Amino acid sequence: MKTHTLKFKGNHGRPKKIAEIRDLNEAGQPKSDQDILDEAFLLIHAFCAERNFKIYYTRTWNHNGVTIFDVGSHTEFFHLTPAVSLYADTTSSERSEQNG
């Protein structure tokens, strides 16, 4: 079974594995890239909430086979491998989310 790996990459130390996201849903059907992306966002929000880090915006992009998530830190990012397709609408290159 194929999985995606979500890691936290801080400015100190080695990357920390946060979770493995299965590519199949409970019915055994393949998840869409959007489903995997949504699950990654939930895991990232939970990780940050546990550390009392408030996310004010999120940017995502793909680079070298990795989906990268910027949640407002200048030196810390989340990496999802392998990368997923970010947008059905290719006119957008950035996903922003306001948490107020």
N, C-alpha and C. Protein backbone atom coordinates (compact mmCIF):
# COMPACT_ATOMS: atom_id res chain seq x y z
N MET A 1 0.84 -1.18 0.00
CA MET A 1 0.00 0.00 0.00
C MET A 1 0.89 1.25 0.00
N LYS A 2 0.56 2.18 -0.83
CA LYS A 2 1.31 3.42 -0.94
C LYS A 2 0.87 4.40 0.15
N THR A 3 1.84 5.16 0.66
CA THR A 3 1.53 6.17 1.67
C THR A 3 2.28 7.45 1.33
N HIS A 4 1.82 8.53 1.94
CA HIS A 4 2.52 9.81 1.90
C HIS A 4 3.06 10.06 3.30
N THR A 5 4.24 10.63 3.38
CA THR A 5 4.87 10.92 4.66
C THR A 5 4.88 12.42 4.90
N LEU A 6 4.39 12.83 6.07
CA LEU A 6 4.38 14.24 6.46
C LEU A 6 5.46 14.44 7.51
N LYS A 7 6.38 15.39 7.24
CA LYS A 7 7.48 15.69 8.16
C LYS A 7 7.51 17.17 8.48
N PHE A 8 7.97 17.46 9.70
CA PHE A 8 8.21 18.83 10.14
C PHE A 8 9.70 19.08 10.01
N LYS A 9 10.06 20.15 9.30
CA LYS A 9 11.47 20.50 9.14
C LYS A 9 11.72 21.83 9.81
N GLY A 10 12.33 21.78 10.98
CA GLY A 10 12.67 22.99 11.72
C GLY A 10 14.06 23.46 11.37
N ASN A 11 14.43 24.58 11.96
CA ASN A 11 15.75 25.13 11.67
C ASN A 11 16.84 24.49 12.51
N HIS A 12 16.46 23.64 13.46
CA HIS A 12 17.42 22.93 14.29
C HIS A 12 17.15 21.44 14.22
N GLY A 13 18.18 20.66 14.05
CA GLY A 13 18.01 19.22 14.13
C GLY A 13 17.47 18.59 12.87
N ARG A 14 17.17 17.31 13.01
CA ARG A 14 16.68 16.51 11.90
C ARG A 14 15.19 16.69 11.69
N PRO A 15 14.71 16.36 10.48
CA PRO A 15 13.26 16.41 10.23
C PRO A 15 12.53 15.43 11.15
N LYS A 16 11.34 15.83 11.59
CA LYS A 16 10.55 14.98 12.48
C LYS A 16 9.34 14.46 11.71
N LYS A 17 9.21 13.14 11.68
CA LYS A 17 8.06 12.53 11.01
C LYS A 17 6.81 12.77 11.85
N ILE A 18 5.80 13.34 11.22
CA ILE A 18 4.53 13.64 11.90
C ILE A 18 3.53 12.50 11.70
N ALA A 19 3.42 12.03 10.45
CA ALA A 19 2.40 11.02 10.17
C ALA A 19 2.66 10.37 8.81
N GLU A 20 2.02 9.24 8.63
CA GLU A 20 1.92 8.59 7.33
C GLU A 20 0.45 8.68 6.93
N ILE A 21 0.20 9.12 5.72
CA ILE A 21 -1.16 9.24 5.22
C ILE A 21 -1.38 8.15 4.18
N ARG A 22 -2.32 7.27 4.47
CA ARG A 22 -2.63 6.17 3.55
C ARG A 22 -3.28 6.71 2.29
N ASP A 23 -2.97 6.08 1.16
CA ASP A 23 -3.53 6.50 -0.12
C ASP A 23 -4.89 5.88 -0.42
N LEU A 24 -5.34 4.99 0.47
CA LEU A 24 -6.65 4.37 0.29
C LEU A 24 -7.58 4.79 1.41
N ASN A 25 -8.85 5.01 1.08
CA ASN A 25 -9.83 5.35 2.12
C ASN A 25 -10.31 4.08 2.81
N GLU A 26 -11.27 4.21 3.72
CA GLU A 26 -11.76 3.07 4.50
C GLU A 26 -12.38 1.99 3.62
N ALA A 27 -12.92 2.39 2.46
CA ALA A 27 -13.54 1.43 1.54
C ALA A 27 -12.52 0.78 0.61
N GLY A 28 -11.25 1.15 0.76
CA GLY A 28 -10.22 0.57 -0.08
C GLY A 28 -10.05 1.26 -1.42
N GLN A 29 -10.72 2.39 -1.59
CA GLN A 29 -10.63 3.15 -2.84
C GLN A 29 -9.53 4.19 -2.72
N PRO A 30 -8.86 4.51 -3.83
CA PRO A 30 -7.79 5.52 -3.78
C PRO A 30 -8.33 6.89 -3.38
N LYS A 31 -7.60 7.57 -2.49
CA LYS A 31 -7.95 8.94 -2.13
C LYS A 31 -7.48 9.87 -3.25
N SER A 32 -8.19 10.96 -3.41
CA SER A 32 -7.75 11.98 -4.37
C SER A 32 -6.60 12.77 -3.75
N ASP A 33 -5.86 13.49 -4.58
CA ASP A 33 -4.80 14.35 -4.06
C ASP A 33 -5.38 15.39 -3.11
N GLN A 34 -6.60 15.87 -3.41
CA GLN A 34 -7.24 16.85 -2.52
C GLN A 34 -7.54 16.23 -1.16
N ASP A 35 -7.98 14.97 -1.13
CA ASP A 35 -8.23 14.28 0.14
C ASP A 35 -6.95 14.17 0.96
N ILE A 36 -5.86 13.82 0.30
CA ILE A 36 -4.57 13.69 0.99
C ILE A 36 -4.11 15.05 1.49
N LEU A 37 -4.28 16.08 0.67
CA LEU A 37 -3.91 17.44 1.06
C LEU A 37 -4.74 17.90 2.27
N ASP A 38 -6.04 17.63 2.25
CA ASP A 38 -6.90 18.01 3.38
C ASP A 38 -6.48 17.30 4.66
N GLU A 39 -6.13 16.03 4.55
CA GLU A 39 -5.69 15.27 5.73
C GLU A 39 -4.37 15.84 6.26
N ALA A 40 -3.48 16.20 5.35
CA ALA A 40 -2.19 16.80 5.77
C ALA A 40 -2.44 18.11 6.50
N PHE A 41 -3.36 18.94 6.00
CA PHE A 41 -3.67 20.21 6.67
C PHE A 41 -4.21 19.98 8.08
N LEU A 42 -5.06 18.99 8.25
CA LEU A 42 -5.59 18.68 9.60
C LEU A 42 -4.46 18.27 10.54
N LEU A 43 -3.55 17.45 10.06
CA LEU A 43 -2.42 17.01 10.88
C LEU A 43 -1.49 18.17 11.23
N ILE A 44 -1.26 19.06 10.27
CA ILE A 44 -0.42 20.23 10.51
C ILE A 44 -1.06 21.15 11.55
N HIS A 45 -2.36 21.38 11.42
CA HIS A 45 -3.06 22.24 12.39
C HIS A 45 -2.99 21.63 13.80
N ALA A 46 -3.16 20.33 13.90
CA ALA A 46 -3.09 19.66 15.21
C ALA A 46 -1.68 19.77 15.79
N PHE A 47 -0.66 19.55 14.97
CA PHE A 47 0.73 19.64 15.42
C PHE A 47 1.02 21.04 15.95
N CYS A 48 0.58 22.05 15.21
CA CYS A 48 0.83 23.44 15.64
C CYS A 48 0.04 23.79 16.89
N ALA A 49 -1.21 23.34 16.97
CA ALA A 49 -2.05 23.63 18.14
C ALA A 49 -1.45 23.03 19.41
N GLU A 50 -0.88 21.83 19.31
CA GLU A 50 -0.24 21.19 20.47
C GLU A 50 0.94 22.01 20.99
N ARG A 51 1.51 22.83 20.12
CA ARG A 51 2.68 23.64 20.48
C ARG A 51 2.32 25.12 20.64
N ASN A 52 1.01 25.39 20.71
CA ASN A 52 0.51 26.76 20.87
C ASN A 52 1.01 27.71 19.79
N PHE A 53 1.17 27.20 18.58
CA PHE A 53 1.56 28.03 17.45
C PHE A 53 0.32 28.34 16.64
N LYS A 54 0.00 29.62 16.52
CA LYS A 54 -1.18 30.03 15.77
C LYS A 54 -0.83 30.23 14.31
N ILE A 55 -1.58 29.58 13.43
CA ILE A 55 -1.38 29.70 11.99
C ILE A 55 -2.25 30.84 11.47
N TYR A 56 -1.61 31.85 10.91
CA TYR A 56 -2.34 32.99 10.36
C TYR A 56 -2.52 32.86 8.85
N TYR A 57 -1.65 32.12 8.21
CA TYR A 57 -1.78 31.87 6.78
C TYR A 57 -1.05 30.58 6.44
N THR A 58 -1.37 30.04 5.28
CA THR A 58 -0.68 28.85 4.80
C THR A 58 -0.38 29.03 3.32
N ARG A 59 0.85 28.76 2.94
CA ARG A 59 1.24 28.73 1.53
C ARG A 59 1.71 27.32 1.22
N THR A 60 1.36 26.81 0.06
CA THR A 60 1.81 25.49 -0.35
C THR A 60 2.38 25.58 -1.76
N TRP A 61 3.41 24.76 -2.00
CA TRP A 61 3.97 24.65 -3.34
C TRP A 61 4.67 23.32 -3.46
N ASN A 62 4.93 22.92 -4.69
CA ASN A 62 5.67 21.69 -4.95
C ASN A 62 7.06 22.03 -5.44
N HIS A 63 8.05 21.26 -4.92
CA HIS A 63 9.44 21.45 -5.33
C HIS A 63 10.16 20.12 -5.21
N ASN A 64 10.74 19.66 -6.32
CA ASN A 64 11.53 18.42 -6.33
C ASN A 64 10.78 17.22 -5.76
N GLY A 65 9.52 17.06 -6.14
CA GLY A 65 8.75 15.90 -5.71
C GLY A 65 8.21 15.95 -4.30
N VAL A 66 8.23 17.15 -3.69
CA VAL A 66 7.75 17.34 -2.31
C VAL A 66 6.73 18.47 -2.30
N THR A 67 5.63 18.29 -1.58
CA THR A 67 4.71 19.39 -1.33
C THR A 67 5.15 20.06 -0.04
N ILE A 68 5.40 21.37 -0.11
CA ILE A 68 5.92 22.12 1.03
C ILE A 68 4.83 23.04 1.56
N PHE A 69 4.69 23.08 2.89
CA PHE A 69 3.70 23.91 3.57
C PHE A 69 4.43 24.95 4.41
N ASP A 70 4.15 26.21 4.18
CA ASP A 70 4.66 27.31 5.00
C ASP A 70 3.48 27.80 5.83
N VAL A 71 3.62 27.75 7.15
CA VAL A 71 2.52 28.15 8.03
C VAL A 71 2.85 29.42 8.81
N GLY A 72 3.80 30.20 8.30
CA GLY A 72 4.07 31.49 8.91
C GLY A 72 5.42 31.63 9.58
N SER A 73 6.18 30.56 9.61
CA SER A 73 7.52 30.64 10.19
C SER A 73 8.51 30.89 9.07
N HIS A 74 9.53 31.65 9.35
CA HIS A 74 10.53 31.92 8.32
C HIS A 74 11.53 30.79 8.17
N THR A 75 11.58 29.88 9.13
CA THR A 75 12.61 28.84 9.12
C THR A 75 12.07 27.42 9.28
N GLU A 76 10.78 27.26 9.48
CA GLU A 76 10.21 25.94 9.72
C GLU A 76 9.10 25.66 8.73
N PHE A 77 9.11 24.44 8.17
CA PHE A 77 8.16 24.06 7.13
C PHE A 77 7.72 22.62 7.34
N PHE A 78 6.62 22.26 6.70
CA PHE A 78 6.17 20.87 6.66
C PHE A 78 6.37 20.36 5.24
N HIS A 79 6.79 19.10 5.12
CA HIS A 79 7.04 18.48 3.83
C HIS A 79 6.20 17.22 3.70
N LEU A 80 5.51 17.09 2.56
CA LEU A 80 4.72 15.90 2.26
C LEU A 80 5.34 15.22 1.05
N THR A 81 5.73 13.95 1.22
CA THR A 81 6.29 13.20 0.11
C THR A 81 5.56 11.88 -0.07
N PRO A 82 5.31 11.49 -1.30
CA PRO A 82 5.55 12.25 -2.52
C PRO A 82 4.59 13.42 -2.65
N ALA A 83 4.93 14.35 -3.54
CA ALA A 83 4.11 15.55 -3.74
C ALA A 83 2.73 15.16 -4.29
N VAL A 84 1.76 16.01 -4.00
CA VAL A 84 0.41 15.86 -4.54
C VAL A 84 0.12 17.04 -5.46
N SER A 85 -0.82 16.85 -6.36
CA SER A 85 -1.27 17.95 -7.20
C SER A 85 -2.05 18.93 -6.32
N LEU A 86 -1.69 20.20 -6.39
CA LEU A 86 -2.28 21.17 -5.48
C LEU A 86 -3.61 21.74 -5.94
N TYR A 87 -3.79 21.90 -7.22
CA TYR A 87 -4.95 22.65 -7.69
C TYR A 87 -5.58 22.02 -8.92
N ALA A 88 -6.88 21.94 -8.89
CA ALA A 88 -7.61 21.57 -10.10
C ALA A 88 -7.63 22.77 -11.04
N ASP A 89 -7.67 23.97 -10.45
CA ASP A 89 -7.63 25.22 -11.20
C ASP A 89 -6.19 25.71 -11.20
N THR A 90 -5.51 25.64 -12.32
CA THR A 90 -4.10 25.98 -12.38
C THR A 90 -3.84 27.48 -12.43
N THR A 91 -4.89 28.31 -12.33
CA THR A 91 -4.67 29.76 -12.34
C THR A 91 -4.19 30.24 -10.98
N SER A 92 -4.31 29.43 -9.95
CA SER A 92 -3.88 29.84 -8.62
C SER A 92 -2.57 29.15 -8.27
N SER A 93 -1.64 29.90 -7.73
CA SER A 93 -0.37 29.30 -7.34
C SER A 93 -0.16 29.34 -5.83
N GLU A 94 -1.10 29.87 -5.11
CA GLU A 94 -0.94 29.96 -3.67
C GLU A 94 -2.28 29.73 -3.00
N ARG A 95 -2.27 28.96 -1.93
CA ARG A 95 -3.48 28.73 -1.14
C ARG A 95 -3.29 29.48 0.16
N SER A 96 -4.20 30.37 0.45
CA SER A 96 -4.13 31.11 1.70
C SER A 96 -5.34 30.79 2.54
N GLU A 97 -5.13 30.85 3.81
CA GLU A 97 -6.21 30.53 4.71
C GLU A 97 -6.10 31.49 5.89
N GLN A 98 -7.18 32.10 6.25
CA GLN A 98 -7.20 33.04 7.36
C GLN A 98 -7.79 32.36 8.57
N ASN A 99 -7.09 32.41 9.67
CA ASN A 99 -7.57 31.86 10.93
C ASN A 99 -7.69 33.02 11.91
N GLY A 100 -8.89 33.50 12.12
CA GLY A 100 -9.02 34.66 12.97
C GLY A 100 -9.76 34.43 14.21
